[in-house]
PDB file of N, CA and C in Angstrom:
ATOM      1  N   MET A   1      80.010 -63.859 234.407  1.00  0.00           N
ATOM      2  CA  MET A   1      79.672 -62.720 233.578  1.00  0.00           C
ATOM      3  C   MET A   1      78.459 -63.079 232.713  1.00  0.00           C
ATOM      4  N   ARG A   2      77.466 -62.239 232.730  1.00  0.00           N
ATOM      5  CA  ARG A   2      76.252 -62.480 231.947  1.00  0.00           C
ATOM      6  C   ARG A   2      76.418 -61.893 230.560  1.00  0.00           C
ATOM      7  N   LEU A   3      76.290 -62.745 229.584  1.00  0.00           N
ATOM      8  CA  LEU A   3      76.435 -62.311 228.202  1.00  0.00           C
ATOM      9  C   LEU A   3      75.161 -62.541 227.389  1.00  0.00           C
ATOM     10  N   ASP A   4      74.027 -62.604 228.092  1.00  0.00           N
ATOM     11  CA  ASP A   4      72.745 -62.783 227.406  1.00  0.00           C
ATOM     12  C   ASP A   4      72.472 -61.661 226.407  1.00  0.00           C
ATOM     13  N   TRP A   5      73.048 -60.503 226.655  1.00  0.00           N
ATOM     14  CA  TRP A   5      72.802 -59.361 225.785  1.00  0.00           C
ATOM     15  C   TRP A   5      73.217 -59.651 224.345  1.00  0.00           C
ATOM     16  N   ILE A   6      74.210 -60.517 224.144  1.00  0.00           N
ATOM     17  CA  ILE A   6      74.637 -60.844 222.780  1.00  0.00           C
ATOM     18  C   ILE A   6      73.484 -61.513 222.023  1.00  0.00           C
ATOM     19  N   GLY A   7      72.794 -62.419 222.674  1.00  0.00           N
ATOM     20  CA  GLY A   7      71.641 -63.062 222.056  1.00  0.00           C
ATOM     21  C   GLY A   7      70.521 -62.082 221.752  1.00  0.00           C
ATOM     22  N   TRP A   8      70.299 -61.120 222.646  1.00  0.00           N
ATOM     23  CA  TRP A   8      69.255 -60.120 222.417  1.00  0.00           C
ATOM     24  C   TRP A   8      69.623 -59.186 221.276  1.00  0.00           C
ATOM     25  N   VAL A   9      70.887 -58.800 221.202  1.00  0.00           N
ATOM     26  CA  VAL A   9      71.332 -57.937 220.100  1.00  0.00           C
ATOM     27  C   VAL A   9      71.226 -58.700 218.779  1.00  0.00           C
ATOM     28  N   ALA A  10      71.591 -59.971 218.787  1.00  0.00           N
ATOM     29  CA  ALA A  10      71.481 -60.790 217.578  1.00  0.00           C
ATOM     30  C   ALA A  10      70.022 -60.889 217.131  1.00  0.00           C
ATOM     31  N   THR A  11      69.123 -61.068 218.075  1.00  0.00           N
ATOM     32  CA  THR A  11      67.696 -61.137 217.757  1.00  0.00           C
ATOM     33  C   THR A  11      67.212 -59.832 217.143  1.00  0.00           C
ATOM     34  N   ALA A  12      67.582 -58.719 217.760  1.00  0.00           N
ATOM     35  CA  ALA A  12      67.164 -57.402 217.244  1.00  0.00           C
ATOM     36  C   ALA A  12      67.746 -57.143 215.860  1.00  0.00           C
ATOM     37  N   ALA A  13      69.004 -57.505 215.652  1.00  0.00           N
ATOM     38  CA  ALA A  13      69.640 -57.301 214.347  1.00  0.00           C
ATOM     39  C   ALA A  13      68.961 -58.145 213.281  1.00  0.00           C
ATOM     40  N   PHE A  14      68.691 -59.398 213.605  1.00  0.00           N
ATOM     41  CA  PHE A  14      68.051 -60.283 212.631  1.00  0.00           C
ATOM     42  C   PHE A  14      66.654 -59.773 212.283  1.00  0.00           C
ATOM     43  N   ALA A  15      65.882 -59.390 213.282  1.00  0.00           N
ATOM     44  CA  ALA A  15      64.525 -58.884 213.036  1.00  0.00           C
ATOM     45  C   ALA A  15      64.571 -57.593 212.220  1.00  0.00           C
ATOM     46  N   SER A  16      65.522 -56.721 212.508  1.00  0.00           N
ATOM     47  CA  SER A  16      65.603 -55.448 211.789  1.00  0.00           C
ATOM     48  C   SER A  16      66.041 -55.632 210.341  1.00  0.00           C
ATOM     49  N   SER A  17      66.677 -56.755 210.031  1.00  0.00           N
ATOM     50  CA  SER A  17      67.141 -56.969 208.652  1.00  0.00           C
ATOM     51  C   SER A  17      65.978 -56.960 207.666  1.00  0.00           C
ATOM     52  N   TYR A  18      64.792 -57.319 208.116  1.00  0.00           N
ATOM     53  CA  TYR A  18      63.629 -57.361 207.236  1.00  0.00           C
ATOM     54  C   TYR A  18      63.090 -55.966 206.914  1.00  0.00           C
ATOM     55  N   LEU A  19      63.617 -54.949 207.557  1.00  0.00           N
ATOM     56  CA  LEU A  19      63.202 -53.579 207.280  1.00  0.00           C
ATOM     57  C   LEU A  19      64.010 -52.966 206.130  1.00  0.00           C
ATOM     58  N   PHE A  20      65.099 -53.620 205.732  1.00  0.00           N
ATOM     59  CA  PHE A  20      65.943 -53.096 204.672  1.00  0.00           C
ATOM     60  C   PHE A  20      65.331 -53.442 203.319  1.00  0.00           C
ATOM     61  N   LYS A  21      65.314 -52.466 202.419  1.00  0.00           N
ATOM     62  CA  LYS A  21      64.721 -52.684 201.099  1.00  0.00           C
ATOM     63  C   LYS A  21      65.736 -53.223 200.098  1.00  0.00           C
ATOM     64  N   ARG A  22      66.994 -52.854 200.248  1.00  0.00           N
ATOM     65  CA  ARG A  22      68.016 -53.324 199.308  1.00  0.00           C
ATOM     66  C   ARG A  22      68.492 -54.712 199.722  1.00  0.00           C
ATOM     67  N   PRO A  23      68.495 -55.653 198.788  1.00  0.00           N
ATOM     68  CA  PRO A  23      68.888 -57.027 199.103  1.00  0.00           C
ATOM     69  C   PRO A  23      70.286 -57.130 199.712  1.00  0.00           C
ATOM     70  N   ASN A  24      71.223 -56.327 199.229  1.00  0.00           N
ATOM     71  CA  ASN A  24      72.574 -56.419 199.766  1.00  0.00           C
ATOM     72  C   ASN A  24      72.630 -55.983 201.229  1.00  0.00           C
ATOM     73  N   SER A  25      71.880 -54.929 201.569  1.00  0.00           N
ATOM     74  CA  SER A  25      71.837 -54.471 202.965  1.00  0.00           C
ATOM     75  C   SER A  25      71.208 -55.536 203.858  1.00  0.00           C
ATOM     76  N   LEU A  26      70.117 -56.123 203.375  1.00  0.00           N
ATOM     77  CA  LEU A  26      69.438 -57.171 204.133  1.00  0.00           C
ATOM     78  C   LEU A  26      70.397 -58.329 204.411  1.00  0.00           C
ATOM     79  N   ARG A  27      71.116 -58.772 203.391  1.00  0.00           N
ATOM     80  CA  ARG A  27      72.033 -59.902 203.544  1.00  0.00           C
ATOM     81  C   ARG A  27      73.190 -59.557 204.482  1.00  0.00           C
ATOM     82  N   LEU A  28      73.680 -58.338 204.391  1.00  0.00           N
ATOM     83  CA  LEU A  28      74.786 -57.918 205.255  1.00  0.00           C
ATOM     84  C   LEU A  28      74.366 -57.923 206.728  1.00  0.00           C
ATOM     85  N   VAL A  29      73.188 -57.399 207.001  1.00  0.00           N
ATOM     86  CA  VAL A  29      72.685 -57.372 208.383  1.00  0.00           C
ATOM     87  C   VAL A  29      72.405 -58.793 208.865  1.00  0.00           C
ATOM     88  N   GLN A  30      71.837 -59.637 207.994  1.00  0.00           N
ATOM     89  CA  GLN A  30      71.591 -61.024 208.384  1.00  0.00           C
ATOM     90  C   GLN A  30      72.894 -61.763 208.678  1.00  0.00           C
ATOM     91  N   ALA A  31      73.915 -61.527 207.871  1.00  0.00           N
ATOM     92  CA  ALA A  31      75.219 -62.161 208.115  1.00  0.00           C
ATOM     93  C   ALA A  31      75.804 -61.694 209.442  1.00  0.00           C
ATOM     94  N   GLY A  32      75.670 -60.408 209.731  1.00  0.00           N
ATOM     95  CA  GLY A  32      76.159 -59.882 211.006  1.00  0.00           C
ATOM     96  C   GLY A  32      75.420 -60.464 212.193  1.00  0.00           C
ATOM     97  N   ALA A  33      74.092 -60.550 212.069  1.00  0.00           N
ATOM     98  CA  ALA A  33      73.287 -61.123 213.148  1.00  0.00           C
ATOM     99  C   ALA A  33      73.640 -62.593 213.354  1.00  0.00           C
ATOM    100  N   ALA A  34      73.798 -63.326 212.268  1.00  0.00           N
ATOM    101  CA  ALA A  34      74.155 -64.742 212.381  1.00  0.00           C
ATOM    102  C   ALA A  34      75.523 -64.898 213.040  1.00  0.00           C
ATOM    103  N   THR A  35      76.437 -63.990 212.739  1.00  0.00           N
ATOM    104  CA  THR A  35      77.760 -64.032 213.376  1.00  0.00           C
ATOM    105  C   THR A  35      77.635 -63.811 214.880  1.00  0.00           C
ATOM    106  N   LEU A  36      76.773 -62.892 215.276  1.00  0.00           N
ATOM    107  CA  LEU A  36      76.526 -62.693 216.717  1.00  0.00           C
ATOM    108  C   LEU A  36      75.949 -63.959 217.345  1.00  0.00           C
ATOM    109  N   TRP A  37      75.049 -64.637 216.627  1.00  0.00           N
ATOM    110  CA  TRP A  37      74.481 -65.897 217.130  1.00  0.00           C
ATOM    111  C   TRP A  37      75.553 -66.968 217.267  1.00  0.00           C
ATOM    112  N   VAL A  38      76.502 -66.990 216.337  1.00  0.00           N
ATOM    113  CA  VAL A  38      77.603 -67.957 216.431  1.00  0.00           C
ATOM    114  C   VAL A  38      78.410 -67.687 217.703  1.00  0.00           C
ATOM    115  N   ILE A  39      78.730 -66.428 217.947  1.00  0.00           N
ATOM    116  CA  ILE A  39      79.480 -66.065 219.156  1.00  0.00           C
ATOM    117  C   ILE A  39      78.701 -66.474 220.401  1.00  0.00           C
ATOM    118  N   TYR A  40      77.428 -66.153 220.415  1.00  0.00           N
ATOM    119  CA  TYR A  40      76.583 -66.510 221.560  1.00  0.00           C
ATOM    120  C   TYR A  40      76.512 -68.024 221.737  1.00  0.00           C
ATOM    121  N   GLY A  41      76.354 -68.748 220.636  1.00  0.00           N
ATOM    122  CA  GLY A  41      76.301 -70.209 220.694  1.00  0.00           C
ATOM    123  C   GLY A  41      77.586 -70.802 221.249  1.00  0.00           C
ATOM    124  N   LEU A  42      78.723 -70.219 220.870  1.00  0.00           N
ATOM    125  CA  LEU A  42      80.000 -70.692 221.415  1.00  0.00           C
ATOM    126  C   LEU A  42      80.094 -70.436 222.920  1.00  0.00           C
ATOM    127  N   ILE A  43      79.614 -69.268 223.336  1.00  0.00           N
ATOM    128  CA  ILE A  43      79.663 -68.917 224.764  1.00  0.00           C
ATOM    129  C   ILE A  43      78.821 -69.873 225.599  1.00  0.00           C
ATOM    130  N   ILE A  44      77.633 -70.218 225.097  1.00  0.00           N
ATOM    131  CA  ILE A  44      76.741 -71.080 225.881  1.00  0.00           C
ATOM    132  C   ILE A  44      76.916 -72.559 225.539  1.00  0.00           C
ATOM    133  N   HIS A  45      77.904 -72.848 224.683  1.00  0.00           N
ATOM    134  CA  HIS A  45      78.224 -74.233 224.300  1.00  0.00           C
ATOM    135  C   HIS A  45      77.036 -74.934 223.637  1.00  0.00           C
ATOM    136  N   ALA A  46      76.390 -74.211 222.706  1.00  0.00           N
ATOM    137  CA  ALA A  46      75.240 -74.760 221.989  1.00  0.00           C
ATOM    138  C   ALA A  46      75.654 -75.001 220.537  1.00  0.00           C
ATOM    139  N   PHE A  47      76.159 -76.199 220.268  1.00  0.00           N
ATOM    140  CA  PHE A  47      76.669 -76.543 218.947  1.00  0.00           C
ATOM    141  C   PHE A  47      75.623 -76.378 217.840  1.00  0.00           C
ATOM    142  N   PRO A  48      74.362 -76.767 218.044  1.00  0.00           N
ATOM    143  CA  PRO A  48      73.366 -76.570 216.982  1.00  0.00           C
ATOM    144  C   PRO A  48      73.169 -75.090 216.616  1.00  0.00           C
ATOM    145  N   VAL A  49      73.245 -74.217 217.605  1.00  0.00           N
ATOM    146  CA  VAL A  49      73.122 -72.778 217.345  1.00  0.00           C
ATOM    147  C   VAL A  49      74.295 -72.301 216.498  1.00  0.00           C
ATOM    148  N   VAL A  50      75.484 -72.778 216.813  1.00  0.00           N
ATOM    149  CA  VAL A  50      76.686 -72.398 216.057  1.00  0.00           C
ATOM    150  C   VAL A  50      76.575 -72.872 214.612  1.00  0.00           C
ATOM    151  N   VAL A  51      76.288 -74.142 214.417  1.00  0.00           N
ATOM    152  CA  VAL A  51      76.244 -74.710 213.071  1.00  0.00           C
ATOM    153  C   VAL A  51      75.150 -74.044 212.234  1.00  0.00           C
ATOM    154  N   ALA A  52      73.964 -73.901 212.792  1.00  0.00           N
ATOM    155  CA  ALA A  52      72.854 -73.300 212.048  1.00  0.00           C
ATOM    156  C   ALA A  52      73.196 -71.884 211.602  1.00  0.00           C
ATOM    157  N   ASN A  53      73.839 -71.130 212.448  1.00  0.00           N
ATOM    158  CA  ASN A  53      74.122 -69.743 212.108  1.00  0.00           C
ATOM    159  C   ASN A  53      75.364 -69.566 211.256  1.00  0.00           C
ATOM    160  N   VAL A  54      76.276 -70.517 211.277  1.00  0.00           N
ATOM    161  CA  VAL A  54      77.376 -70.503 210.304  1.00  0.00           C
ATOM    162  C   VAL A  54      76.773 -70.699 208.908  1.00  0.00           C
ATOM    163  N   VAL A  55      75.818 -71.612 208.805  1.00  0.00           N
ATOM    164  CA  VAL A  55      75.144 -71.850 207.525  1.00  0.00           C
ATOM    165  C   VAL A  55      74.386 -70.592 207.079  1.00  0.00           C
ATOM    166  N   VAL A  56      73.654 -69.974 207.989  1.00  0.00           N
ATOM    167  CA  VAL A  56      72.884 -68.766 207.657  1.00  0.00           C
ATOM    168  C   VAL A  56      73.820 -67.644 207.211  1.00  0.00           C
ATOM    169  N   ALA A  57      74.904 -67.428 207.941  1.00  0.00           N
ATOM    170  CA  ALA A  57      75.855 -66.368 207.576  1.00  0.00           C
ATOM    171  C   ALA A  57      76.472 -66.642 206.212  1.00  0.00           C
ATOM    172  N   ALA A  58      76.855 -67.881 205.968  1.00  0.00           N
ATOM    173  CA  ALA A  58      77.447 -68.234 204.674  1.00  0.00           C
ATOM    174  C   ALA A  58      76.450 -68.015 203.541  1.00  0.00           C
ATOM    175  N   MET A  59      75.212 -68.427 203.739  1.00  0.00           N
ATOM    176  CA  MET A  59      74.188 -68.244 202.708  1.00  0.00           C
ATOM    177  C   MET A  59      73.915 -66.765 202.462  1.00  0.00           C
ATOM    178  N   ALA A  60      73.886 -65.978 203.524  1.00  0.00           N
ATOM    179  CA  ALA A  60      73.650 -64.541 203.367  1.00  0.00           C
ATOM    180  C   ALA A  60      74.784 -63.891 202.573  1.00  0.00           C
ATOM    181  N   ILE A  61      76.005 -64.287 202.872  1.00  0.00           N
ATOM    182  CA  ILE A  61      77.152 -63.702 202.176  1.00  0.00           C
ATOM    183  C   ILE A  61      77.199 -64.165 200.725  1.00  0.00           C
ATOM    184  N   PHE A  62      77.066 -65.458 200.498  1.00  0.00           N
ATOM    185  CA  PHE A  62      77.208 -65.990 199.153  1.00  0.00           C
ATOM    186  C   PHE A  62      76.004 -65.706 198.251  1.00  0.00           C
ATOM    187  N   SER A  63      74.859 -65.354 198.837  1.00  0.00           N
ATOM    188  CA  SER A  63      73.706 -64.994 198.012  1.00  0.00           C
ATOM    189  C   SER A  63      73.594 -63.488 197.819  1.00  0.00           C
ATOM    190  N   SER A  64      74.554 -62.763 198.350  1.00  0.00           N
ATOM    191  CA  SER A  64      74.549 -61.308 198.227  1.00  0.00           C
ATOM    192  C   SER A  64      74.650 -60.897 196.761  1.00  0.00           C
ATOM    193  N   PRO A  65      73.766 -60.020 196.309  1.00  0.00           N
ATOM    194  CA  PRO A  65      73.836 -59.561 194.914  1.00  0.00           C
ATOM    195  C   PRO A  65      75.179 -58.906 194.589  1.00  0.00           C
ATOM    196  N   LEU A  66      75.761 -58.218 195.539  1.00  0.00           N
ATOM    197  CA  LEU A  66      77.050 -57.563 195.320  1.00  0.00           C
ATOM    198  C   LEU A  66      78.134 -58.599 195.052  1.00  0.00           C
ATOM    199  N   LEU A  67      78.134 -59.672 195.803  1.00  0.00           N
ATOM    200  CA  LEU A  67      79.128 -60.733 195.608  1.00  0.00           C
ATOM    201  C   LEU A  67      78.895 -61.443 194.280  1.00  0.00           C
ATOM    202  N   ARG A  68      77.648 -61.725 193.952  1.00  0.00           N
ATOM    203  CA  ARG A  68      77.346 -62.393 192.685  1.00  0.00           C
ATOM    204  C   ARG A  68      77.762 -61.560 191.492  1.00  0.00           C
ATOM    205  N   ARG A  69      77.609 -60.238 191.594  1.00  0.00           N
ATOM    206  CA  ARG A  69      77.990 -59.352 190.501  1.00  0.00           C
ATOM    207  C   ARG A  69      79.499 -59.374 190.295  1.00  0.00           C
ATOM    208  N   LYS A  70      80.272 -59.398 191.372  1.00  0.00           N
ATOM    209  CA  LYS A  70      81.721 -59.421 191.267  1.00  0.00           C
ATOM    210  C   LYS A  70      82.237 -60.735 190.675  1.00  0.00           C
ATOM    211  N   THR A  71      81.629 -61.855 191.055  1.00  0.00           N
ATOM    212  CA  THR A  71      82.097 -63.135 190.559  1.00  0.00           C
ATOM    213  C   THR A  71      81.655 -63.384 189.123  1.00  0.00           C
ATOM    214  N   ALA A  72      80.607 -62.709 188.680  1.00  0.00           N
ATOM    215  CA  ALA A  72      80.120 -62.893 187.312  1.00  0.00           C
ATOM    216  C   ALA A  72      80.985 -62.158 186.294  1.00  0.00           C
ATOM    217  N   GLU A  73      81.741 -61.183 186.744  1.00  0.00           N
ATOM    218  CA  GLU A  73      82.572 -60.382 185.825  1.00  0.00           C
ATOM    219  C   GLU A  73      83.822 -61.089 185.403  1.00  0.00           C
TER     220      GLU A  73
END
């Protein structure tokens, strides 16, 4: 089964994240794209792809202005 499309969707999602003006939207789309990359990396058994994108997804989520506002209260 060919699952290359997951990598292409992840690429498109990541590239489109830069079109969002609100920081929270940008981070949410980046986290989603990174999650797709993690799935793709697991499918193709590419450990560096998995690790790099787990880090990217975590950074996108934890740097989200919405999350920071909730934890500051």
